[in-house]
Amino acid sequence: MSTVQVIGAGLAGSEAAWQLARRGIDVELVEMKPAKMSPAHHSEDFAELVCSNSFRGDRLENAVGLLKEELRRCGSLILACADETRVEAGGALAVDRHGFSRLVTERLRSCPNVRVVSREVTQVPPGPVIVATGPLTSEALSEDIRRYFGGAEYLSFYDAAAPLVTADSVDMDQAWLASRYDRGSADYVNCAMDRDQYLAFVEALKTAEEAPVHGFEDSMVFEGCMPVEVMARRGEDTLRYGPLKPVGLKDPKTGREPYAVVQLRRDNAAGTVYNLVGFQTHLKFPEQKRVFSMIPALARAEFVRYGVMHRNTFLNSPQLLDRYYADRRDPLVAFAGQLTGVEGYVESTASGYLCAVAMAAKVQGRPLPDFPRETAIGALAWYVSGGSVGSFQPMNVNFGILPPLERRIRGKAQKNLAIAQRALAAIDALTPSL
């Protein structure tokens, strides 16, 4: 039986290597770290979370919550490690950033079917191979992928990460602990702003000096990771309807919703570091300190990491890949993760999972798995490979890409829950054959 190469040990590559190995296939997992690091990476561990430490919502009425539950039922390594290193975040699944990556690394390095090789890959190898090098694929390999697809142009967008502050530097006299609508435990630090403070903050954001990012324009950001300064430029109230929305958060000092609220979420299990939720930015570091310190509770905040921004690249996948994330011309050469145009940690994991399960079937001579569009895993793959997509852009999983129900159900939450139940029934019927 052939050894399958997996290039890249991010979320998608780590998941792919694990799924291949647990099916009895020998895997050569090739990772360029630590010999070479991208601008966004700092750790030698696999599955490094370079942006948020949140895997987003965990309720079935939320599409990403459904996708996570599908992956759990399919034996996902990434979801198992995320659940084991979970930190409290209300209705979301957030993890201890370093503990999570360390656990993924330990599981893969101790797996007898996985051989880890540390080197940079500069050319697309012959199959069977899964290329999961992420949105920051090295320049040499990126250029070779372009050549591999006959000069096909990559598409690109810009992605940003939020700053981190120490918990003990937050002024809790100006903040309080709560989750929105008091759902779950009180896991977020809520930093209130009155109208004058908010307006001054927005004006400062609009005029703050940005770090130079080659080729950056506001129109090129991915909507799900839009820098706060870009949102500020879109209108006075844009932030109040986005990451600073006060809905469902009552200040215990007044009993009322504040004009705006900045939320902080725990970034590690010890609770010593918090991130500014939704505060992706590419302001210069001194400007981040100056402007974000205008938030009353963060006036004396200690920043342990400032926000950063980088260019992400992705393939024009509808023209190049099939619904198993494989090259339409060669089914033993596949791609996974954000390089394919899926957006988000869980979505990248799902692509790595499906890509690997399909690759295992190919090399073992078994029928390919049929994940229907009614499942989140299947719907995401169909979206990425859908040739009818006009202008292909990265997208998070959402209920809009799943087929509608045959019967009408009143209420969005109830309708979404019914779609989720239909999806999980399909997954449960499929898993014995996987």
Protein backbone atom coordinates (compact mmCIF):
# COMPACT_ATOMS: atom_id res chain seq x y z
CA MET A 1 0.00 0.00 0.00
CA SER A 2 1.24 3.47 -0.89
CA THR A 3 2.39 5.93 1.71
CA VAL A 4 0.32 9.12 1.57
CA GLN A 5 2.18 12.38 1.95
CA VAL A 6 0.44 15.17 3.86
CA ILE A 7 2.13 18.53 3.32
CA GLY A 8 1.50 20.93 6.21
CA ALA A 9 0.59 20.23 9.83
CA GLY A 10 -2.00 22.93 10.40
CA LEU A 11 -5.57 22.09 11.35
CA ALA A 12 -6.46 20.52 7.99
CA GLY A 13 -3.17 18.66 7.58
CA SER A 14 -3.18 17.35 11.15
CA GLU A 15 -6.75 16.10 10.76
CA ALA A 16 -5.95 14.52 7.40
CA ALA A 17 -2.87 12.72 8.73
CA TRP A 18 -4.84 11.34 11.69
CA GLN A 19 -7.74 10.09 9.57
CA LEU A 20 -5.42 8.34 7.14
CA ALA A 21 -3.41 6.75 9.95
CA ARG A 22 -6.45 5.46 11.83
CA ARG A 23 -7.45 3.66 8.62
CA GLY A 24 -4.17 1.77 8.59
CA ILE A 25 -2.40 3.93 6.02
CA ASP A 26 1.22 4.99 6.45
CA VAL A 27 1.52 8.78 6.47
CA GLU A 28 4.50 11.02 5.89
CA LEU A 29 3.55 14.32 7.50
CA VAL A 30 5.84 17.04 6.16
CA GLU A 31 5.96 20.34 8.07
CA MET A 32 8.40 23.17 7.37
CA LYS A 33 8.40 24.38 10.99
CA PRO A 34 10.67 24.88 12.87
CA ALA A 35 13.26 25.13 10.10
CA LYS A 36 11.17 27.83 8.41
CA MET A 37 8.40 29.90 9.99
CA SER A 38 5.75 32.00 8.26
CA PRO A 39 5.18 35.59 9.47
CA ALA A 40 2.07 34.51 11.41
CA HIS A 41 3.52 31.47 13.21
CA HIS A 42 5.35 31.51 16.55
CA SER A 43 5.16 27.94 17.87
CA GLU A 44 6.79 24.73 16.67
CA ASP A 45 3.64 22.76 17.50
CA PHE A 46 1.15 21.48 14.94
CA ALA A 47 -2.33 22.99 14.46
CA GLU A 48 -1.16 26.39 15.68
CA LEU A 49 -4.01 28.87 16.10
CA VAL A 50 -2.64 32.06 14.58
CA CYS A 51 -5.78 34.16 15.05
CA SER A 52 -8.54 33.67 17.63
CA ASN A 53 -8.58 30.82 20.14
CA SER A 54 -12.31 30.33 19.48
CA PHE A 55 -13.87 27.65 17.30
CA ARG A 56 -17.04 29.76 17.43
CA GLY A 57 -20.58 28.73 18.43
CA ASP A 58 -21.28 25.27 19.82
CA ARG A 59 -25.08 25.15 19.60
CA LEU A 60 -26.81 23.04 16.94
CA GLU A 61 -28.93 26.03 15.89
CA ASN A 62 -25.65 27.49 14.62
CA ALA A 63 -24.18 26.03 11.41
CA VAL A 64 -20.63 25.85 12.79
CA GLY A 65 -22.02 24.12 15.88
CA LEU A 66 -23.57 21.51 13.59
CA LEU A 67 -20.29 21.09 11.70
CA LYS A 68 -18.44 20.52 14.97
CA GLU A 69 -20.94 17.89 16.10
CA GLU A 70 -20.67 16.08 12.74
CA LEU A 71 -16.89 16.01 13.11
CA ARG A 72 -17.12 14.74 16.68
CA ARG A 73 -19.32 11.85 15.53
CA CYS A 74 -16.83 11.10 12.75
CA GLY A 75 -13.89 10.80 15.18
CA SER A 76 -12.14 14.11 14.50
CA LEU A 77 -8.74 14.55 16.15
CA ILE A 78 -9.03 18.34 16.14
CA LEU A 79 -12.44 18.38 17.84
CA ALA A 80 -11.33 15.80 20.42
CA CYS A 81 -8.29 17.90 21.32
CA ALA A 82 -10.36 21.09 21.33
CA ASP A 83 -12.89 19.56 23.73
CA GLU A 84 -10.08 18.34 26.01
CA THR A 85 -8.44 21.77 26.21
CA ARG A 86 -11.64 23.80 26.34
CA VAL A 87 -11.81 27.08 28.25
CA GLU A 88 -15.13 28.62 29.22
CA ALA A 89 -16.57 30.98 26.61
CA GLY A 90 -20.33 30.96 27.06
CA GLY A 91 -21.98 29.26 24.09
CA ALA A 92 -18.74 29.07 22.10
CA LEU A 93 -15.99 26.46 21.97
CA ALA A 94 -12.75 28.22 22.88
CA VAL A 95 -9.50 26.48 23.76
CA ASP A 96 -6.25 26.99 25.61
CA ARG A 97 -4.28 28.02 22.55
CA HIS A 98 -0.95 26.41 23.46
CA GLY A 99 -2.42 23.41 25.25
CA PHE A 100 -4.55 22.57 22.23
CA SER A 101 -1.68 22.67 19.73
CA ARG A 102 0.59 20.76 22.09
CA LEU A 103 -2.00 17.97 22.46
CA VAL A 104 -2.51 17.66 18.69
CA THR A 105 1.27 17.45 18.25
CA GLU A 106 1.63 14.76 20.94
CA ARG A 107 -1.15 12.63 19.43
CA LEU A 108 0.33 12.73 15.95
CA ARG A 109 3.96 12.25 16.97
CA SER A 110 3.00 9.20 19.04
CA CYS A 111 0.90 7.65 16.27
CA PRO A 112 2.78 4.62 14.87
CA ASN A 113 1.48 5.15 11.32
CA VAL A 114 2.66 8.76 11.13
CA ARG A 115 6.25 9.72 10.31
CA VAL A 116 6.95 13.43 10.78
CA VAL A 117 9.47 15.08 8.47
CA SER A 118 10.64 18.66 9.07
CA ARG A 119 11.47 20.33 5.76
CA GLU A 120 10.07 22.83 3.29
CA VAL A 121 8.29 21.42 0.25
CA THR A 122 8.80 23.58 -2.84
CA GLN A 123 7.01 21.46 -5.46
CA VAL A 124 3.70 19.60 -5.61
CA PRO A 125 4.73 15.95 -5.18
CA PRO A 126 3.18 13.14 -7.23
CA GLY A 127 0.19 11.46 -5.60
CA PRO A 128 -1.00 10.15 -3.35
CA VAL A 129 -0.62 13.51 -1.60
CA ILE A 130 -2.71 16.03 0.31
CA VAL A 131 -1.40 19.61 0.19
CA ALA A 132 -2.61 21.47 3.28
CA THR A 133 -0.10 24.29 3.55
CA GLY A 134 -2.61 26.94 4.47
CA PRO A 135 -3.19 30.53 3.43
CA LEU A 136 0.45 31.41 4.08
CA THR A 137 1.93 28.79 1.76
CA SER A 138 5.62 29.47 1.17
CA GLU A 139 6.48 31.53 -1.87
CA ALA A 140 8.28 28.68 -3.67
CA LEU A 141 5.46 26.16 -3.22
CA SER A 142 2.84 28.78 -3.99
CA GLU A 143 4.50 29.48 -7.30
CA ASP A 144 4.75 25.77 -8.10
CA ILE A 145 1.05 25.24 -7.33
CA ARG A 146 0.35 28.01 -9.81
CA ARG A 147 2.45 26.19 -12.41
CA TYR A 148 0.86 22.86 -11.49
CA PHE A 149 -2.56 24.23 -12.39
CA GLY A 150 -1.29 25.62 -15.68
CA GLY A 151 -0.79 29.18 -14.51
CA ALA A 152 -4.18 29.44 -12.81
CA GLU A 153 -4.31 32.59 -10.72
CA TYR A 154 -4.70 32.43 -6.99
CA LEU A 155 -7.34 34.63 -5.47
CA SER A 156 -6.45 36.45 -2.27
CA PHE A 157 -7.80 38.40 0.68
CA TYR A 158 -6.40 39.90 3.88
CA ASP A 159 -6.87 38.38 7.32
CA ALA A 160 -6.19 39.91 10.73
CA ALA A 161 -5.67 38.74 14.31
CA ALA A 162 -6.83 40.45 17.52
CA PRO A 163 -4.58 41.69 20.36
CA LEU A 164 -4.12 39.90 23.71
CA VAL A 165 -4.01 41.55 27.15
CA THR A 166 -3.17 40.24 30.61
CA ALA A 167 -6.19 39.61 32.83
CA ASP A 168 -4.78 41.40 35.87
CA SER A 169 -4.23 44.60 33.87
CA VAL A 170 -7.97 44.99 33.13
CA ASP A 171 -9.72 47.48 35.42
CA MET A 172 -12.61 45.40 36.77
CA ASP A 173 -14.09 48.50 38.42
CA GLN A 174 -14.92 49.51 34.84
CA ALA A 175 -15.96 46.03 33.67
CA TRP A 176 -17.98 42.99 34.74
CA LEU A 177 -18.17 39.26 34.04
CA ALA A 178 -21.15 37.94 32.06
CA SER A 179 -22.17 36.08 28.93
CA ARG A 180 -24.65 37.61 26.52
CA TYR A 181 -28.26 37.07 27.66
CA ASP A 182 -26.71 35.31 30.72
CA ARG A 183 -26.40 32.10 28.70
CA GLY A 184 -24.11 29.62 30.40
CA SER A 185 -21.52 30.81 32.87
CA ALA A 186 -20.12 34.34 33.14
CA ASP A 187 -17.17 33.81 30.80
CA TYR A 188 -16.61 37.21 29.17
CA VAL A 189 -15.15 40.39 30.62
CA ASN A 190 -17.45 43.18 29.44
CA CYS A 191 -15.97 46.66 29.06
CA ALA A 192 -18.66 49.32 28.78
CA MET A 193 -18.46 52.62 26.88
CA ASP A 194 -20.91 55.51 27.04
CA ARG A 195 -21.87 57.45 23.92
CA ASP A 196 -19.14 60.11 24.18
CA GLN A 197 -16.45 57.52 24.87
CA TYR A 198 -17.63 55.40 21.96
CA LEU A 199 -17.74 58.28 19.47
CA ALA A 200 -14.25 59.41 20.47
CA PHE A 201 -13.02 55.84 20.11
CA VAL A 202 -14.53 55.48 16.62
CA GLU A 203 -13.01 58.76 15.50
CA ALA A 204 -9.59 57.69 16.81
CA LEU A 205 -9.87 54.37 14.97
CA LYS A 206 -10.74 56.11 11.69
CA THR A 207 -7.68 58.35 11.84
CA ALA A 208 -5.12 56.03 13.47
CA GLU A 209 -2.00 55.17 11.52
CA GLU A 210 -2.03 51.75 9.90
CA ALA A 211 0.89 49.42 9.36
CA PRO A 212 1.81 49.13 5.67
CA VAL A 213 0.43 45.94 4.12
CA HIS A 214 1.40 45.53 0.47
CA GLY A 215 -1.57 45.76 -1.84
CA PHE A 216 -4.14 46.18 0.94
CA GLU A 217 -7.48 47.85 0.26
CA ASP A 218 -10.57 47.91 2.49
CA SER A 219 -12.50 46.03 -0.21
CA MET A 220 -10.07 43.10 -0.08
CA VAL A 221 -10.68 42.06 3.54
CA PHE A 222 -12.61 38.91 4.34
CA GLU A 223 -15.91 40.02 5.89
CA GLY A 224 -15.59 37.56 8.78
CA CYS A 225 -12.21 38.98 9.86
CA MET A 226 -12.66 42.67 9.09
CA PRO A 227 -10.28 44.99 10.97
CA VAL A 228 -12.02 47.27 13.46
CA GLU A 229 -10.62 50.36 11.77
CA VAL A 230 -12.23 49.29 8.48
CA MET A 231 -15.56 48.83 10.29
CA ALA A 232 -15.20 52.27 11.87
CA ARG A 233 -14.81 53.82 8.42
CA ARG A 234 -18.03 52.18 7.27
CA GLY A 235 -20.20 54.23 9.59
CA GLU A 236 -20.58 55.61 13.09
CA ASP A 237 -22.74 52.71 14.33
CA THR A 238 -21.12 49.84 12.43
CA LEU A 239 -19.11 48.69 15.45
CA ARG A 240 -22.18 48.94 17.72
CA TYR A 241 -23.93 46.46 15.45
CA GLY A 242 -20.81 44.29 15.25
CA PRO A 243 -18.20 43.38 17.88
CA LEU A 244 -19.22 46.22 20.24
CA LYS A 245 -22.93 45.44 20.30
CA PRO A 246 -24.39 45.83 23.80
CA VAL A 247 -27.49 43.68 23.21
CA GLY A 248 -28.09 41.14 25.98
CA LEU A 249 -25.48 42.69 28.31
CA LYS A 250 -26.68 44.69 31.31
CA ASP A 251 -24.20 46.66 33.37
CA PRO A 252 -24.77 45.56 37.01
CA LYS A 253 -23.95 49.09 38.17
CA THR A 254 -26.85 50.63 36.22
CA GLY A 255 -29.11 47.70 35.37
CA ARG A 256 -29.17 48.91 31.75
CA GLU A 257 -27.48 48.03 28.49
CA PRO A 258 -24.49 50.34 27.87
CA TYR A 259 -24.11 52.31 24.66
CA ALA A 260 -21.36 49.93 23.49
CA VAL A 261 -19.49 46.97 24.99
CA VAL A 262 -16.05 45.55 24.23
CA GLN A 263 -15.87 41.87 25.20
CA LEU A 264 -12.74 40.03 26.31
CA ARG A 265 -12.55 36.23 26.07
CA ARG A 266 -10.16 33.94 27.94
CA ASP A 267 -7.25 32.90 25.71
CA ASN A 268 -5.63 30.27 27.95
CA ALA A 269 -6.76 27.72 30.51
CA ALA A 270 -5.16 29.59 33.40
CA GLY A 271 -7.26 32.66 32.62
CA THR A 272 -4.25 34.97 32.72
CA VAL A 273 -4.56 36.20 29.13
CA TYR A 274 -7.64 37.53 27.33
CA ASN A 275 -8.24 38.53 23.72
CA LEU A 276 -10.31 41.46 22.48
CA VAL A 277 -13.19 39.73 20.73
CA GLY A 278 -13.61 40.86 17.13
CA PHE A 279 -10.71 43.32 17.36
CA GLN A 280 -8.75 42.20 14.34
CA THR A 281 -6.57 45.09 13.26
CA HIS A 282 -3.59 46.20 11.23
CA LEU A 283 -2.90 49.44 13.06
CA LYS A 284 0.72 50.12 13.99
CA PHE A 285 1.56 48.72 17.41
CA PRO A 286 1.91 52.11 19.21
CA GLU A 287 -1.42 53.15 17.69
CA GLN A 288 -3.09 49.99 19.00
CA LYS A 289 -1.83 50.82 22.49
CA ARG A 290 -3.01 54.43 22.21
CA VAL A 291 -6.46 53.80 20.71
CA PHE A 292 -7.44 50.62 22.55
CA SER A 293 -6.42 52.22 25.86
CA MET A 294 -9.30 54.66 25.27
CA ILE A 295 -11.61 51.84 26.34
CA PRO A 296 -12.08 52.73 30.04
CA ALA A 297 -11.44 49.23 31.42
CA LEU A 298 -8.30 48.93 29.28
CA ALA A 299 -6.76 52.29 30.17
CA ARG A 300 -3.81 50.52 31.83
CA ALA A 301 -3.97 47.26 29.91
CA GLU A 302 -0.77 45.30 29.32
CA PHE A 303 -0.68 44.04 25.74
CA VAL A 304 1.16 40.73 25.41
CA ARG A 305 0.49 40.52 21.67
CA TYR A 306 -0.65 43.21 19.29
CA GLY A 307 -2.96 42.58 16.38
CA VAL A 308 -1.37 41.60 13.09
CA MET A 309 -2.54 41.34 9.50
CA HIS A 310 -1.39 39.13 6.66
CA ARG A 311 -2.32 38.25 3.13
CA ASN A 312 -4.11 34.93 2.62
CA THR A 313 -4.21 33.12 -0.69
CA PHE A 314 -6.66 30.53 -1.94
CA LEU A 315 -7.36 28.57 -5.10
CA ASN A 316 -10.16 29.19 -7.57
CA SER A 317 -11.43 25.84 -6.32
CA PRO A 318 -14.73 25.56 -8.23
CA GLN A 319 -12.71 25.41 -11.43
CA LEU A 320 -9.97 23.13 -10.11
CA LEU A 321 -11.19 20.76 -7.38
CA ASP A 322 -13.91 18.12 -7.06
CA ARG A 323 -16.18 17.54 -4.05
CA TYR A 324 -13.42 15.53 -2.35
CA TYR A 325 -11.03 18.51 -2.61
CA ALA A 326 -9.01 16.60 -5.23
CA ASP A 327 -7.58 17.83 -8.52
CA ARG A 328 -10.22 17.16 -11.17
CA ARG A 329 -7.44 15.81 -13.42
CA ASP A 330 -5.70 13.61 -10.84
CA PRO A 331 -7.75 12.22 -7.93
CA LEU A 332 -4.59 11.27 -6.00
CA VAL A 333 -3.49 14.90 -5.69
CA ALA A 334 -5.72 16.73 -3.24
CA PHE A 335 -5.76 20.02 -1.35
CA ALA A 336 -7.24 20.85 2.04
CA GLY A 337 -7.75 23.74 4.43
CA GLN A 338 -7.90 27.46 3.77
CA LEU A 339 -5.89 27.03 0.59
CA THR A 340 -9.12 25.66 -0.93
CA GLY A 341 -11.21 28.66 0.08
CA VAL A 342 -12.93 27.30 3.18
CA GLU A 343 -12.75 29.90 5.94
CA GLY A 344 -12.41 29.12 9.63
CA TYR A 345 -10.78 26.59 11.93
CA VAL A 346 -13.66 24.12 11.91
CA GLU A 347 -14.19 24.42 8.16
CA SER A 348 -10.49 23.75 7.55
CA THR A 349 -10.71 20.70 9.80
CA ALA A 350 -13.75 19.44 7.89
CA SER A 351 -11.96 19.75 4.56
CA GLY A 352 -8.96 17.85 5.93
CA TYR A 353 -11.25 15.16 7.28
CA LEU A 354 -13.23 14.60 4.07
CA CYS A 355 -10.15 14.87 1.88
CA ALA A 356 -8.38 12.16 3.93
CA VAL A 357 -11.34 9.80 4.17
CA ALA A 358 -11.71 10.00 0.38
CA MET A 359 -7.96 9.54 -0.18
CA ALA A 360 -7.97 6.47 2.08
CA ALA A 361 -10.79 4.95 0.04
CA LYS A 362 -8.91 5.62 -3.20
CA VAL A 363 -5.63 3.98 -2.13
CA GLN A 364 -7.43 1.05 -0.49
CA GLY A 365 -9.71 0.45 -3.47
CA ARG A 366 -12.93 1.13 -1.57
CA PRO A 367 -15.99 3.16 -2.67
CA LEU A 368 -15.72 6.89 -2.06
CA PRO A 369 -17.74 8.19 0.90
CA ASP A 370 -20.93 9.98 -0.09
CA PHE A 371 -21.43 12.94 2.23
CA PRO A 372 -24.73 14.42 1.00
CA ARG A 373 -25.48 18.11 0.74
CA GLU A 374 -27.81 17.69 3.72
CA THR A 375 -24.72 17.40 5.95
CA ALA A 376 -22.55 20.40 6.80
CA ILE A 377 -19.39 18.47 5.83
CA GLY A 378 -20.88 17.61 2.46
CA ALA A 379 -22.46 21.02 1.82
CA LEU A 380 -19.15 22.79 2.41
CA ALA A 381 -17.39 20.48 -0.06
CA TRP A 382 -20.13 20.98 -2.63
CA TYR A 383 -19.84 24.75 -2.23
CA VAL A 384 -16.06 24.74 -2.74
CA SER A 385 -16.35 22.52 -5.84
CA GLY A 386 -19.48 24.13 -7.28
CA GLY A 387 -18.67 25.19 -10.83
CA SER A 388 -21.70 27.49 -10.95
CA VAL A 389 -20.19 29.90 -8.41
CA GLY A 390 -19.60 33.20 -10.21
CA SER A 391 -17.07 35.08 -8.12
CA PHE A 392 -15.64 32.56 -5.68
CA GLN A 393 -14.82 33.91 -2.22
CA PRO A 394 -13.87 32.19 1.06
CA MET A 395 -16.88 31.42 3.21
CA ASN A 396 -17.71 30.08 6.64
CA VAL A 397 -20.20 27.24 6.86
CA ASN A 398 -23.82 28.45 7.05
CA PHE A 399 -27.29 26.98 6.75
CA GLY A 400 -27.74 28.75 3.41
CA ILE A 401 -25.57 26.15 1.65
CA LEU A 402 -27.63 23.23 2.96
CA PRO A 403 -30.84 22.25 1.12
CA PRO A 404 -34.03 23.66 2.70
CA LEU A 405 -36.41 21.45 4.63
CA GLU A 406 -39.33 19.90 2.78
CA ARG A 407 -41.71 21.16 5.43
CA ARG A 408 -42.08 24.71 6.70
CA ILE A 409 -41.08 25.40 10.31
CA ARG A 410 -41.75 28.68 12.05
CA GLY A 411 -38.92 30.36 13.88
CA LYS A 412 -35.31 30.52 12.74
CA ALA A 413 -33.88 28.60 15.70
CA GLN A 414 -36.40 25.77 15.36
CA LYS A 415 -35.86 25.58 11.59
CA ASN A 416 -32.08 25.46 12.00
CA LEU A 417 -32.38 22.79 14.69
CA ALA A 418 -34.50 20.65 12.35
CA ILE A 419 -31.88 21.06 9.58
CA ALA A 420 -29.20 20.03 12.09
CA GLN A 421 -31.16 16.96 13.20
CA ARG A 422 -31.58 15.92 9.56
CA ALA A 423 -27.84 16.34 9.01
CA LEU A 424 -26.86 14.33 12.08
CA ALA A 425 -29.21 11.50 11.09
CA ALA A 426 -27.41 11.36 7.73
CA ILE A 427 -24.02 11.36 9.47
CA ASP A 428 -25.07 8.56 11.84
CA ALA A 429 -26.22 6.48 8.86
CA LEU A 430 -22.90 7.11 7.06
CA THR A 431 -20.34 6.62 9.86
CA PRO A 432 -20.41 2.77 9.94
CA SER A 433 -19.03 2.75 6.38
CA LEU A 434 -16.26 5.26 7.12
